[in-house]
C-alpha cells in the first residue's frame, strides 16, 4: 500500500513539474533557437518516467501514466489554442502535449505488459512475494 502511494506521489510530482520545466525552457531559449530539442527531450523524459512507474505498479499503469502526462498535455493544448487565437500557430505545443501523452501511454503499456509477462512466465518471481502475501492474508482473517 505504501509503495502504491509513493509511486502515485512521484508520478504526480513529475506530472506537475513537467509543465513548469517546459515553460521555463521555452522562456529562456535564445531567439531563433529551435524548440525541437526541448520538445523531444520532454516527450522522451515523460515516456521514460511512465515506463518506470508502470514497472512498479503494472496493474495501475493507466493511472500512473495519466498522472505523468495529463498536465503537460493540457498545457500543450491550452498554449496551442491560446496562441492560435492571437493569429500565430505554434504546432510545437501540440507536439509536446499530445506527443507526451501518446508516448507515455505507449511506454507505460509496454512496460506493464513486460512486467506482467515476466511475472506469469517466471514462477520464482512470484514465489519471492508469496510469504508477504500469505502474511497479509492471515492478518485479514
C-alpha atoms as a PDB file:
ATOM      1  CA  UNK A   1       0.000   0.000   0.000  1.00  0.00           C
ATOM      2  CA  UNK A   2       2.816   2.389   0.891  1.00  0.00           C
ATOM      3  CA  UNK A   3       4.580   1.522  -2.367  1.00  0.00           C
ATOM      4  CA  UNK A   4       1.488   2.489  -4.356  1.00  0.00           C
ATOM      5  CA  UNK A   5       1.174   5.840  -2.586  1.00  0.00           C
ATOM      6  CA  UNK A   6       4.875   6.536  -3.132  1.00  0.00           C
ATOM      7  CA  UNK A   7       4.586   5.762  -6.852  1.00  0.00           C
ATOM      8  CA  UNK A   8       1.444   7.886  -7.228  1.00  0.00           C
ATOM      9  CA  UNK A   9       3.090  10.786  -5.398  1.00  0.00           C
ATOM     10  CA  UNK A  10       6.229  10.609  -7.527  1.00  0.00           C
ATOM     11  CA  UNK A  11       4.176  10.369 -10.735  1.00  0.00           C
ATOM     12  CA  UNK A  12       2.075  13.364  -9.726  1.00  0.00           C
ATOM     13  CA  UNK A  13       5.190  15.361  -8.796  1.00  0.00           C
ATOM     14  CA  UNK A  14       6.762  14.705 -12.199  1.00  0.00           C
ATOM     15  CA  UNK A  15       3.474  15.482 -13.934  1.00  0.00           C
ATOM     16  CA  UNK A  16       3.142  18.791 -12.101  1.00  0.00           C
ATOM     17  CA  UNK A  17       6.806  19.734 -12.570  1.00  0.00           C
ATOM     18  CA  UNK A  18       6.906  18.966 -16.319  1.00  0.00           C
ATOM     19  CA  UNK A  19       4.795  21.954 -17.495  1.00  0.00           C
ATOM     20  CA  UNK A  20       6.882  24.339 -15.400  1.00  0.00           C
ATOM     21  CA  UNK A  21      10.063  22.928 -16.911  1.00  0.00           C
ATOM     22  CA  UNK A  22       8.732  23.216 -20.459  1.00  0.00           C
ATOM     23  CA  UNK A  23       7.557  26.795 -19.890  1.00  0.00           C
ATOM     24  CA  UNK A  24      10.922  27.689 -18.327  1.00  0.00           C
ATOM     25  CA  UNK A  25      12.799  26.138 -21.262  1.00  0.00           C
ATOM     26  CA  UNK A  26      10.599  27.949 -23.785  1.00  0.00           C
ATOM     27  CA  UNK A  27      11.062  31.265 -21.988  1.00  0.00           C
ATOM     28  CA  UNK A  28      14.838  31.058 -21.575  1.00  0.00           C
ATOM     29  CA  UNK A  29      15.602  29.760 -25.079  1.00  0.00           C
ATOM     30  CA  UNK A  30      17.529  32.260 -27.184  1.00  0.00           C
ATOM     31  CA  UNK A  31      15.688  33.998 -30.017  1.00  0.00           C
ATOM     32  CA  UNK A  32      15.762  31.887 -33.141  1.00  0.00           C
ATOM     33  CA  UNK A  33      16.564  28.665 -31.285  1.00  0.00           C
ATOM     34  CA  UNK A  34      14.783  25.540 -32.433  1.00  0.00           C
ATOM     35  CA  UNK A  35      12.366  24.233 -29.806  1.00  0.00           C
ATOM     36  CA  UNK A  36      12.523  20.720 -31.266  1.00  0.00           C
ATOM     37  CA  UNK A  37      15.313  19.570 -28.925  1.00  0.00           C
ATOM     38  CA  UNK A  38      13.444  20.694 -25.796  1.00  0.00           C
ATOM     39  CA  UNK A  39      10.194  19.199 -27.098  1.00  0.00           C
ATOM     40  CA  UNK A  40      11.825  15.860 -27.907  1.00  0.00           C
ATOM     41  CA  UNK A  41      13.608  15.695 -24.570  1.00  0.00           C
ATOM     42  CA  UNK A  42      10.393  16.457 -22.660  1.00  0.00           C
ATOM     43  CA  UNK A  43       8.463  13.820 -24.599  1.00  0.00           C
ATOM     44  CA  UNK A  44      11.150  11.171 -24.074  1.00  0.00           C
ATOM     45  CA  UNK A  45      11.673  12.002 -20.399  1.00  0.00           C
ATOM     46  CA  UNK A  46       7.970  11.684 -19.641  1.00  0.00           C
ATOM     47  CA  UNK A  47       7.762   8.430 -21.591  1.00  0.00           C
ATOM     48  CA  UNK A  48      10.677   7.053 -19.568  1.00  0.00           C
ATOM     49  CA  UNK A  49       9.049   8.136 -16.305  1.00  0.00           C
ATOM     50  CA  UNK A  50       5.760   6.498 -17.304  1.00  0.00           C
ATOM     51  CA  UNK A  51       7.533   3.254 -18.167  1.00  0.00           C
ATOM     52  CA  UNK A  52       9.359   3.299 -14.848  1.00  0.00           C
ATOM     53  CA  UNK A  53       6.202   3.868 -12.799  1.00  0.00           C
ATOM     54  CA  UNK A  54       4.296   1.255 -14.817  1.00  0.00           C
ATOM     55  CA  UNK A  55       7.022  -1.247 -13.954  1.00  0.00           C
ATOM     56  CA  UNK A  56       6.413  -0.609 -10.243  1.00  0.00           C
ATOM     57  CA  UNK A  57       2.609  -0.809 -10.493  1.00  0.00           C
ATOM     58  CA  UNK A  58       1.819  -2.741 -13.684  1.00  0.00           C
ATOM     59  CA  UNK A  59      -1.875  -3.219 -12.869  1.00  0.00           C
ATOM     60  CA  UNK A  60      -2.302   0.545 -12.434  1.00  0.00           C
ATOM     61  CA  UNK A  61      -0.298   1.706 -15.461  1.00  0.00           C
ATOM     62  CA  UNK A  62      -3.141   3.868 -16.799  1.00  0.00           C
ATOM     63  CA  UNK A  63      -3.344   5.870 -13.566  1.00  0.00           C
ATOM     64  CA  UNK A  64       0.399   6.446 -13.315  1.00  0.00           C
ATOM     65  CA  UNK A  65       0.663   7.341 -16.998  1.00  0.00           C
ATOM     66  CA  UNK A  66      -2.178   9.830 -16.636  1.00  0.00           C
ATOM     67  CA  UNK A  67      -0.588  11.447 -13.592  1.00  0.00           C
ATOM     68  CA  UNK A  68       2.658  11.895 -15.506  1.00  0.00           C
ATOM     69  CA  UNK A  69       1.376  13.063 -18.876  1.00  0.00           C
ATOM     70  CA  UNK A  70      -2.015  14.766 -18.473  1.00  0.00           C
ATOM     71  CA  UNK A  71      -0.711  18.077 -17.052  1.00  0.00           C
ATOM     72  CA  UNK A  72       1.680  18.625 -19.974  1.00  0.00           C
ATOM     73  CA  UNK A  73      -0.980  17.500 -22.475  1.00  0.00           C
ATOM     74  CA  UNK A  74      -3.415  20.058 -21.060  1.00  0.00           C
ATOM     75  CA  UNK A  75      -0.767  22.794 -21.082  1.00  0.00           C
ATOM     76  CA  UNK A  76       0.282  21.998 -24.645  1.00  0.00           C
ATOM     77  CA  UNK A  77      -3.298  22.063 -25.889  1.00  0.00           C
ATOM     78  CA  UNK A  78      -4.109  25.261 -23.979  1.00  0.00           C
ATOM     79  CA  UNK A  79      -0.990  27.047 -25.235  1.00  0.00           C
ATOM     80  CA  UNK A  80      -1.687  25.995 -28.816  1.00  0.00           C
ATOM     81  CA  UNK A  81      -5.270  27.246 -28.614  1.00  0.00           C
ATOM     82  CA  UNK A  82      -4.275  30.487 -26.851  1.00  0.00           C
ATOM     83  CA  UNK A  83      -1.614  31.281 -29.412  1.00  0.00           C
ATOM     84  CA  UNK A  84      -3.885  30.325 -32.321  1.00  0.00           C
ATOM     85  CA  UNK A  85      -6.440  32.910 -31.213  1.00  0.00           C
ATOM     86  CA  UNK A  86      -3.763  35.613 -31.388  1.00  0.00           C
ATOM     87  CA  UNK A  87      -3.092  34.747 -35.030  1.00  0.00           C
ATOM     88  CA  UNK A  88       0.105  32.777 -34.532  1.00  0.00           C
ATOM     89  CA  UNK A  89       0.199  28.989 -34.696  1.00  0.00           C
ATOM     90  CA  UNK A  90       2.882  27.137 -32.763  1.00  0.00           C
ATOM     91  CA  UNK A  91       2.496  23.457 -33.555  1.00  0.00           C
ATOM     92  CA  UNK A  92       5.363  22.651 -31.206  1.00  0.00           C
ATOM     93  CA  UNK A  93       2.922  22.967 -28.288  1.00  0.00           C
ATOM     94  CA  UNK A  94       0.730  20.263 -29.832  1.00  0.00           C
ATOM     95  CA  UNK A  95       3.788  18.084 -30.396  1.00  0.00           C
ATOM     96  CA  UNK A  96       4.816  18.434 -26.751  1.00  0.00           C
ATOM     97  CA  UNK A  97       1.311  17.979 -25.340  1.00  0.00           C
ATOM     98  CA  UNK A  98      -0.093  15.222 -27.486  1.00  0.00           C
ATOM     99  CA  UNK A  99       3.316  13.615 -28.075  1.00  0.00           C
ATOM    100  CA  UNK A 100       3.943  13.337 -24.350  1.00  0.00           C
ATOM    101  CA  UNK A 101       0.526  11.826 -23.772  1.00  0.00           C
ATOM    102  CA  UNK A 102       0.824   9.257 -26.569  1.00  0.00           C
ATOM    103  CA  UNK A 103       4.444   8.305 -25.873  1.00  0.00           C
ATOM    104  CA  UNK A 104       3.773   7.994 -22.136  1.00  0.00           C
ATOM    105  CA  UNK A 105       0.775   5.778 -22.772  1.00  0.00           C
ATOM    106  CA  UNK A 106       2.736   3.556 -25.145  1.00  0.00           C
ATOM    107  CA  UNK A 107       5.735   3.308 -22.817  1.00  0.00           C
ATOM    108  CA  UNK A 108       3.536   2.595 -19.803  1.00  0.00           C
ATOM    109  CA  UNK A 109       1.585  -0.073 -21.672  1.00  0.00           C
ATOM    110  CA  UNK A 110       4.641  -1.926 -22.950  1.00  0.00           C
ATOM    111  CA  UNK A 111       6.411  -1.687 -19.606  1.00  0.00           C
ATOM    112  CA  UNK A 112       3.396  -3.054 -17.721  1.00  0.00           C
ATOM    113  CA  UNK A 113       2.936  -5.779 -20.323  1.00  0.00           C
ATOM    114  CA  UNK A 114       6.580  -6.818 -19.981  1.00  0.00           C
ATOM    115  CA  UNK A 115       6.454  -6.894 -16.176  1.00  0.00           C
ATOM    116  CA  UNK A 116       3.192  -8.832 -16.100  1.00  0.00           C
ATOM    117  CA  UNK A 117       4.549 -11.250 -18.706  1.00  0.00           C
ATOM    118  CA  UNK A 118       7.655 -11.767 -16.584  1.00  0.00           C
ATOM    119  CA  UNK A 119       5.508 -12.492 -13.535  1.00  0.00           C
ATOM    120  CA  UNK A 120       3.494 -15.082 -15.448  1.00  0.00           C
ATOM    121  CA  UNK A 121       6.455 -16.816 -17.062  1.00  0.00           C
ATOM    122  CA  UNK A 122       8.763 -16.886 -14.040  1.00  0.00           C
ATOM    123  CA  UNK A 123       7.246 -18.701 -11.052  1.00  0.00           C
ATOM    124  CA  UNK A 124      10.284 -17.838  -8.910  1.00  0.00           C
ATOM    125  CA  UNK A 125       9.418 -14.166  -9.324  1.00  0.00           C
ATOM    126  CA  UNK A 126       6.007 -14.780  -7.769  1.00  0.00           C
ATOM    127  CA  UNK A 127       7.317 -17.104  -5.061  1.00  0.00           C
ATOM    128  CA  UNK A 128       9.545 -14.343  -3.681  1.00  0.00           C
ATOM    129  CA  UNK A 129       6.423 -12.357  -2.860  1.00  0.00           C
ATOM    130  CA  UNK A 130       4.399 -15.336  -1.654  1.00  0.00           C
ATOM    131  CA  UNK A 131       5.417 -15.091   2.039  1.00  0.00           C
ATOM    132  CA  UNK A 132       4.395 -11.430   2.105  1.00  0.00           C
ATOM    133  CA  UNK A 133       1.045 -12.254   0.526  1.00  0.00           C
ATOM    134  CA  UNK A 134       0.475 -15.185   2.934  1.00  0.00           C
ATOM    135  CA  UNK A 135       1.181 -12.987   5.962  1.00  0.00           C
ATOM    136  CA  UNK A 136      -1.254 -10.355   4.689  1.00  0.00           C
ATOM    137  CA  UNK A 137      -3.944 -12.999   4.114  1.00  0.00           C
ATOM    138  CA  UNK A 138      -3.534 -14.314   7.663  1.00  0.00           C
ATOM    139  CA  UNK A 139      -3.938 -10.806   9.108  1.00  0.00           C
ATOM    140  CA  UNK A 140      -7.145 -10.233   7.153  1.00  0.00           C
ATOM    141  CA  UNK A 141      -8.798 -13.426   8.508  1.00  0.00           C
END
